[in-house]
Amino acid sequence: MAKKTAEEFRDGSPGELAGKSPEDLVDLYLRRSKKRETVETLKQHARDLRREMDRQGLTVRKVWLEQRSASKQHVRREKLEGAMAAVMDGEIKTLAVWKTDRFDRRGMAAIGTALDEFDRRQARLFVLQERLDSSQPGTRIVFAILAERAREEIKDLTLRVTTGKNAARTAGRWPGGRTPYKQEALDREMTLVLRTTDRTTEPAPTLPVLPVGTDPLLQLQYETQPADGPGATRCVSHPHELALGGIPVMCSTCRARRDWLLINHGRNVWIRCRCSKQWLEPEISRADFDALVASPYGMTYPTVEQGLAALGFDGTFAGTYLE
């Protein structure tokens, strides 16, 4: 049975496209760099673009959905090539993207070449978040600045990740990403809490996983079993920096870089900051969390709210490191 396409990613039907000229049609280009980026975000991008295209009186002909890096010169992006081909072949006159860095991160030269192609064919590139329309005078310089900024962001990120990996190697630690099965994590230095406990062990810079090749049904059974009794919620405090995939975790609200609380319920794990900001972290699995629990004993609180207050993660100590 063919997999059903989400409504947000649906191409225009023959009935919707009947009688439409290229000037009436628009293609949407959506991109994510890695699978761990949630599809729900892309769906929201598509909804935002469809709403704007409806406002402009355009009909969506095709949605190009791609999982590729936009910064690496050697990476070929077939979906973007397809979208550009539709413009060059005169099938559409508008290509819409959610944000400039979703289109390209290779700098001014790359975006300039694309804009030249649009100009030659009297077509346009529309960017929703920056409200840019390449057919309007004066926008080319803005595109160039945003493209260069996107390229610099990638260079800065690459530098931070490389520096972090080199530092980990120098310290004799695993340099990042998922720790291989049976990899010894000897450099642990973390306080673990099971519904709160002050037992101290040595934490891994990255989290262990179940053996490669584990039966998917057994994996699902393991991850969905009760954590510690029906509906139990468990907590693990992490006073030091936490790196996932070699990239340090940082709170988007208060910019904190350490002193976290990891919260497990069922198969999900959340990260919580002292400022009370909390988010689901798909990079940390139930198995990862269990591997960090050194003792089944700890204080138990009647509600999650009381536990968070007792641990100092209810917002009272926002902007403060207690460990």
Protein backbone atom coordinates (compact mmCIF):
# COMPACT_ATOMS: atom_id res chain seq x y z
CA MET A 1 0.00 0.00 0.00
CA ALA A 2 1.40 3.42 -0.96
CA LYS A 3 2.28 5.68 1.94
CA LYS A 4 -0.17 8.56 2.26
CA THR A 5 1.35 12.01 1.81
CA ALA A 6 0.65 14.52 4.57
CA GLU A 7 -1.83 17.19 3.51
CA GLU A 8 0.80 19.90 4.05
CA PHE A 9 3.16 18.21 1.54
CA ARG A 10 0.50 17.41 -1.04
CA ASP A 11 1.02 18.47 -4.67
CA GLY A 12 -1.74 20.27 -6.51
CA SER A 13 -4.41 18.00 -8.02
CA PRO A 14 -5.25 18.04 -11.77
CA GLY A 15 -8.50 19.78 -10.94
CA GLU A 16 -6.74 22.52 -8.96
CA LEU A 17 -4.17 23.07 -11.73
CA ALA A 18 -6.59 22.99 -14.67
CA GLY A 19 -6.55 26.22 -16.64
CA LYS A 20 -3.71 27.74 -14.59
CA SER A 21 -0.86 29.57 -16.30
CA PRO A 22 2.74 29.55 -14.96
CA GLU A 23 2.08 33.00 -13.50
CA ASP A 24 -0.70 31.47 -11.36
CA LEU A 25 1.44 28.62 -10.00
CA VAL A 26 4.00 28.33 -7.23
CA ASP A 27 6.27 25.53 -6.03
CA LEU A 28 7.27 25.22 -2.36
CA TYR A 29 10.77 24.12 -1.38
CA LEU A 30 11.12 22.69 2.15
CA ARG A 31 14.37 21.42 3.60
CA ARG A 32 15.73 19.84 6.75
CA SER A 33 19.40 18.95 7.27
CA LYS A 34 18.99 15.79 9.38
CA LYS A 35 16.29 13.26 10.22
CA ARG A 36 16.30 14.27 13.88
CA GLU A 37 14.77 17.61 12.90
CA THR A 38 11.07 17.09 13.48
CA VAL A 39 8.73 16.72 10.51
CA GLU A 40 6.15 18.75 12.44
CA THR A 41 8.34 21.82 11.98
CA LEU A 42 8.39 21.28 8.23
CA LYS A 43 4.62 20.86 8.24
CA GLN A 44 4.31 24.23 9.96
CA HIS A 45 6.62 25.77 7.36
CA ALA A 46 4.38 24.35 4.63
CA ARG A 47 1.22 25.67 6.31
CA ASP A 48 2.76 29.13 6.64
CA LEU A 49 3.76 29.17 2.97
CA ARG A 50 0.39 27.87 1.76
CA ARG A 51 -1.41 30.55 3.75
CA GLU A 52 0.74 33.28 2.19
CA MET A 53 0.42 31.86 -1.33
CA ASP A 54 -3.37 31.77 -0.92
CA ARG A 55 -3.22 35.42 0.09
CA GLN A 56 -1.24 36.19 -3.07
CA GLY A 57 -3.76 34.31 -5.20
CA LEU A 58 -1.32 31.56 -6.26
CA THR A 59 -1.94 27.81 -6.50
CA VAL A 60 0.62 25.34 -5.17
CA ARG A 61 1.71 23.10 -8.03
CA LYS A 62 4.32 20.96 -6.27
CA VAL A 63 6.00 20.63 -2.86
CA TRP A 64 9.70 19.76 -2.97
CA LEU A 65 10.70 18.15 0.34
CA GLU A 66 14.42 17.53 0.86
CA GLN A 67 16.76 16.25 3.56
CA ARG A 68 20.14 17.64 2.62
CA SER A 69 22.74 20.05 3.93
CA ALA A 70 22.57 23.48 2.30
CA SER A 71 26.15 24.43 3.17
CA LYS A 72 28.31 21.63 1.75
CA GLN A 73 29.55 22.20 -1.77
CA HIS A 74 29.81 18.47 -2.56
CA VAL A 75 26.23 17.65 -1.55
CA ARG A 76 23.86 17.48 -4.49
CA ARG A 77 20.31 18.58 -3.71
CA GLU A 78 18.11 16.86 -6.26
CA LYS A 79 14.87 18.41 -5.02
CA LEU A 80 16.23 21.94 -5.26
CA GLU A 81 17.52 21.13 -8.73
CA GLY A 82 14.03 19.94 -9.62
CA ALA A 83 12.45 23.13 -8.29
CA MET A 84 14.94 25.29 -10.20
CA ALA A 85 14.33 23.23 -13.36
CA ALA A 86 10.61 23.97 -13.06
CA VAL A 87 11.44 27.68 -13.05
CA MET A 88 13.89 27.43 -15.96
CA ASP A 89 11.48 25.34 -18.01
CA GLY A 90 8.76 27.94 -17.54
CA GLU A 91 6.40 25.64 -15.62
CA ILE A 92 6.11 28.14 -12.75
CA LYS A 93 6.96 31.78 -12.18
CA THR A 94 7.29 31.66 -8.37
CA LEU A 95 9.39 29.49 -6.06
CA ALA A 96 8.66 30.01 -2.35
CA VAL A 97 10.79 29.09 0.66
CA TRP A 98 10.19 29.62 4.36
CA LYS A 99 13.54 31.30 5.11
CA THR A 100 16.64 32.24 3.13
CA ASP A 101 18.90 29.71 4.88
CA ARG A 102 16.43 26.95 3.97
CA PHE A 103 17.16 27.72 0.31
CA ASP A 104 20.98 27.96 0.42
CA ARG A 105 23.79 28.45 2.95
CA ARG A 106 26.70 28.64 0.55
CA GLY A 107 26.93 32.40 0.46
CA MET A 108 26.45 35.31 -1.87
CA ALA A 109 27.85 33.66 -5.02
CA ALA A 110 25.40 30.75 -4.91
CA ILE A 111 22.34 32.87 -4.21
CA GLY A 112 23.42 35.37 -6.85
CA THR A 113 23.62 32.67 -9.51
CA ALA A 114 20.11 31.49 -8.64
CA LEU A 115 18.71 35.02 -8.76
CA ASP A 116 20.26 35.51 -12.19
CA GLU A 117 18.29 32.51 -13.45
CA PHE A 118 15.07 33.90 -11.99
CA ASP A 119 15.68 37.30 -13.62
CA ARG A 120 16.34 35.79 -17.05
CA ARG A 121 13.00 34.01 -16.97
CA GLN A 122 11.03 36.85 -15.37
CA ALA A 123 10.35 34.59 -12.40
CA ARG A 124 10.80 35.29 -8.71
CA LEU A 125 12.06 33.76 -5.47
CA PHE A 126 9.82 34.54 -2.50
CA VAL A 127 11.09 34.15 1.10
CA LEU A 128 8.37 34.23 3.74
CA GLN A 129 10.18 35.03 6.98
CA GLU A 130 12.24 37.90 5.60
CA ARG A 131 9.37 39.02 3.31
CA LEU A 132 11.70 39.09 0.33
CA ASP A 133 10.55 39.07 -3.30
CA SER A 134 13.41 38.88 -5.81
CA SER A 135 11.29 40.62 -8.45
CA GLN A 136 11.21 43.80 -6.37
CA PRO A 137 13.94 46.46 -6.76
CA GLY A 138 16.58 46.61 -4.04
CA THR A 139 16.08 43.09 -2.69
CA ARG A 140 19.15 41.54 -4.30
CA ILE A 141 21.55 43.18 -1.83
CA VAL A 142 19.39 41.93 1.07
CA PHE A 143 19.51 38.39 -0.32
CA ALA A 144 23.31 38.67 -0.56
CA ILE A 145 23.68 39.84 3.05
CA LEU A 146 21.40 37.09 4.40
CA ALA A 147 23.20 34.44 2.33
CA GLU A 148 26.59 35.53 3.67
CA ARG A 149 25.25 35.57 7.22
CA ALA A 150 23.91 32.01 6.80
CA ARG A 151 27.32 30.90 5.50
CA GLU A 152 29.11 32.51 8.47
CA GLU A 153 26.73 30.80 10.91
CA ILE A 154 27.71 27.42 9.47
CA LYS A 155 31.40 28.28 9.73
CA ASP A 156 30.96 29.29 13.38
CA LEU A 157 29.00 26.12 14.16
CA THR A 158 31.63 23.97 12.46
CA LEU A 159 34.36 25.67 14.50
CA ARG A 160 32.49 25.10 17.78
CA VAL A 161 31.80 21.43 17.02
CA THR A 162 35.37 20.76 15.87
CA THR A 163 36.81 22.47 18.94
CA GLY A 164 34.52 20.44 21.21
CA LYS A 165 35.50 17.17 19.56
CA ASN A 166 39.20 17.98 19.74
CA ALA A 167 38.87 18.88 23.42
CA ALA A 168 37.08 15.58 24.10
CA ARG A 169 39.80 13.60 22.30
CA THR A 170 42.51 15.43 24.24
CA ALA A 171 40.76 14.50 27.49
CA GLY A 172 40.48 10.87 26.35
CA ARG A 173 36.71 11.00 25.93
CA TRP A 174 34.46 9.91 23.12
CA PRO A 175 34.38 12.91 20.73
CA GLY A 176 30.64 13.11 20.22
CA GLY A 177 27.57 11.49 18.73
CA ARG A 178 26.16 8.21 19.96
CA THR A 179 28.59 6.28 22.13
CA PRO A 180 29.30 2.83 20.59
CA TYR A 181 27.90 -0.21 22.39
CA LYS A 182 30.22 -1.33 25.20
CA GLN A 183 32.21 1.88 24.87
CA GLU A 184 33.64 2.50 28.32
CA ALA A 185 32.72 5.95 29.61
CA LEU A 186 35.41 6.42 32.25
CA ASP A 187 35.28 10.19 32.48
CA ARG A 188 31.86 10.49 34.12
CA GLU A 189 31.18 13.25 36.59
CA MET A 190 27.46 13.66 37.09
CA THR A 191 24.99 13.74 39.96
CA LEU A 192 22.16 11.28 39.28
CA VAL A 193 18.70 11.60 40.74
CA LEU A 194 15.95 8.95 40.69
CA ARG A 195 12.90 10.94 41.80
CA THR A 196 15.74 12.80 43.45
CA THR A 197 18.84 11.29 44.95
CA ASP A 198 22.24 12.80 45.69
CA ARG A 199 24.27 9.76 44.67
CA THR A 200 27.28 10.88 42.61
CA THR A 201 28.73 8.90 39.75
CA GLU A 202 30.99 9.74 36.84
CA PRO A 203 28.85 10.85 33.72
CA ALA A 204 29.57 10.13 30.08
CA PRO A 205 29.94 13.15 27.80
CA THR A 206 27.56 11.34 25.46
CA LEU A 207 24.90 8.81 26.27
CA PRO A 208 25.05 5.02 25.65
CA VAL A 209 22.59 3.13 23.48
CA LEU A 210 21.22 -0.40 23.25
CA PRO A 211 23.19 -2.92 21.14
CA VAL A 212 23.09 -2.42 17.40
CA GLY A 213 20.68 -4.89 15.83
CA THR A 214 18.34 -5.11 18.83
CA ASP A 215 14.97 -6.46 17.70
CA PRO A 216 12.68 -3.43 17.10
CA LEU A 217 9.79 -5.09 18.95
CA LEU A 218 11.97 -5.76 21.98
CA GLN A 219 13.22 -2.16 21.80
CA LEU A 220 9.65 -0.87 21.74
CA GLN A 221 8.64 -3.19 24.59
CA TYR A 222 11.60 -1.98 26.64
CA GLU A 223 10.94 1.70 26.00
CA THR A 224 7.22 1.48 26.77
CA GLN A 225 7.43 -0.51 29.98
CA PRO A 226 6.59 1.40 33.20
CA ALA A 227 9.55 3.49 34.35
CA ASP A 228 9.21 2.71 38.07
CA GLY A 229 5.64 1.81 38.75
CA PRO A 230 2.56 3.04 36.88
CA GLY A 231 2.97 6.56 35.55
CA ALA A 232 6.24 7.17 37.40
CA THR A 233 8.29 10.23 36.55
CA ARG A 234 12.03 10.03 37.18
CA CYS A 235 14.62 12.79 37.35
CA VAL A 236 18.38 12.91 36.83
CA SER A 237 20.22 16.12 37.66
CA HIS A 238 23.15 17.08 35.45
CA PRO A 239 25.20 19.97 36.91
CA HIS A 240 27.75 20.09 34.10
CA GLU A 241 27.52 20.90 30.39
CA LEU A 242 25.64 18.38 28.26
CA ALA A 243 26.73 17.76 24.66
CA LEU A 244 24.46 15.98 22.17
CA GLY A 245 25.99 15.13 18.84
CA GLY A 246 29.04 17.14 19.85
CA ILE A 247 26.97 20.34 20.26
CA PRO A 248 26.56 21.80 23.79
CA VAL A 249 22.98 22.14 25.01
CA MET A 250 21.90 25.74 25.71
CA CYS A 251 18.61 27.07 27.09
CA SER A 252 16.86 29.25 24.50
CA THR A 253 15.23 31.33 27.24
CA CYS A 254 18.01 32.22 29.70
CA ARG A 255 21.05 31.02 27.67
CA ALA A 256 22.18 28.68 30.46
CA ARG A 257 24.74 26.06 29.41
CA ARG A 258 24.77 23.72 32.40
CA ASP A 259 22.92 22.65 35.56
CA TRP A 260 20.12 20.64 33.93
CA LEU A 261 17.43 18.25 35.08
CA LEU A 262 16.65 15.26 32.85
CA ILE A 263 13.07 14.03 33.25
CA ASN A 264 11.84 10.62 32.09
CA HIS A 265 8.21 9.55 31.70
CA GLY A 266 7.39 6.48 29.65
CA ARG A 267 9.67 6.44 26.62
CA ASN A 268 10.28 10.22 26.51
CA VAL A 269 13.04 12.29 28.10
CA TRP A 270 12.89 16.05 28.63
CA ILE A 271 15.60 18.57 29.55
CA ARG A 272 14.65 21.24 32.10
CA CYS A 273 16.52 24.42 33.00
CA ARG A 274 16.58 26.31 36.31
CA CYS A 275 14.48 29.02 34.66
CA SER A 276 11.71 26.36 34.24
CA LYS A 277 12.16 26.14 30.45
CA GLN A 278 11.59 22.49 29.46
CA TRP A 279 11.73 20.69 26.13
CA LEU A 280 11.46 17.15 24.78
CA GLU A 281 14.89 15.86 23.71
CA PRO A 282 14.61 13.11 21.06
CA GLU A 283 18.39 12.54 21.17
CA ILE A 284 18.08 11.06 24.69
CA SER A 285 16.15 7.78 24.74
CA ARG A 286 14.63 5.82 27.60
CA ALA A 287 17.58 3.40 27.36
CA ASP A 288 20.02 6.31 27.59
CA PHE A 289 18.28 7.57 30.71
CA ASP A 290 18.24 4.13 32.38
CA ALA A 291 21.97 3.73 31.73
CA LEU A 292 22.59 6.87 33.83
CA VAL A 293 20.65 5.66 36.86
CA ALA A 294 23.14 4.15 39.30
CA SER A 295 20.73 3.43 42.16
CA PRO A 296 17.02 2.54 42.40
CA TYR A 297 16.73 4.54 45.61
CA GLY A 298 15.92 8.21 46.09
CA MET A 299 13.42 10.62 47.52
CA THR A 300 9.85 10.38 46.24
CA TYR A 301 7.52 13.36 45.89
CA PRO A 302 3.72 13.18 45.60
CA THR A 303 3.62 15.41 42.51
CA VAL A 304 6.03 16.48 39.80
CA GLU A 305 5.49 20.13 40.74
CA GLN A 306 6.58 19.51 44.34
CA GLY A 307 9.61 17.61 43.14
CA LEU A 308 10.64 20.41 40.76
CA ALA A 309 10.24 22.97 43.53
CA ALA A 310 12.31 20.90 45.96
CA LEU A 311 15.07 20.49 43.38
CA GLY A 312 15.07 24.18 42.46
CA PHE A 313 13.81 23.78 38.90
CA ASP A 314 10.52 25.67 39.29
CA GLY A 315 11.91 29.01 38.06
CA THR A 316 12.89 30.35 41.48
CA PHE A 317 16.61 30.11 40.66
CA ALA A 318 16.38 31.38 37.08
CA GLY A 319 19.74 32.71 35.95
CA THR A 320 21.59 30.90 38.73
CA TYR A 321 23.86 27.84 38.71
CA LEU A 322 23.43 25.90 41.97
CA GLU A 323 25.96 23.21 41.13
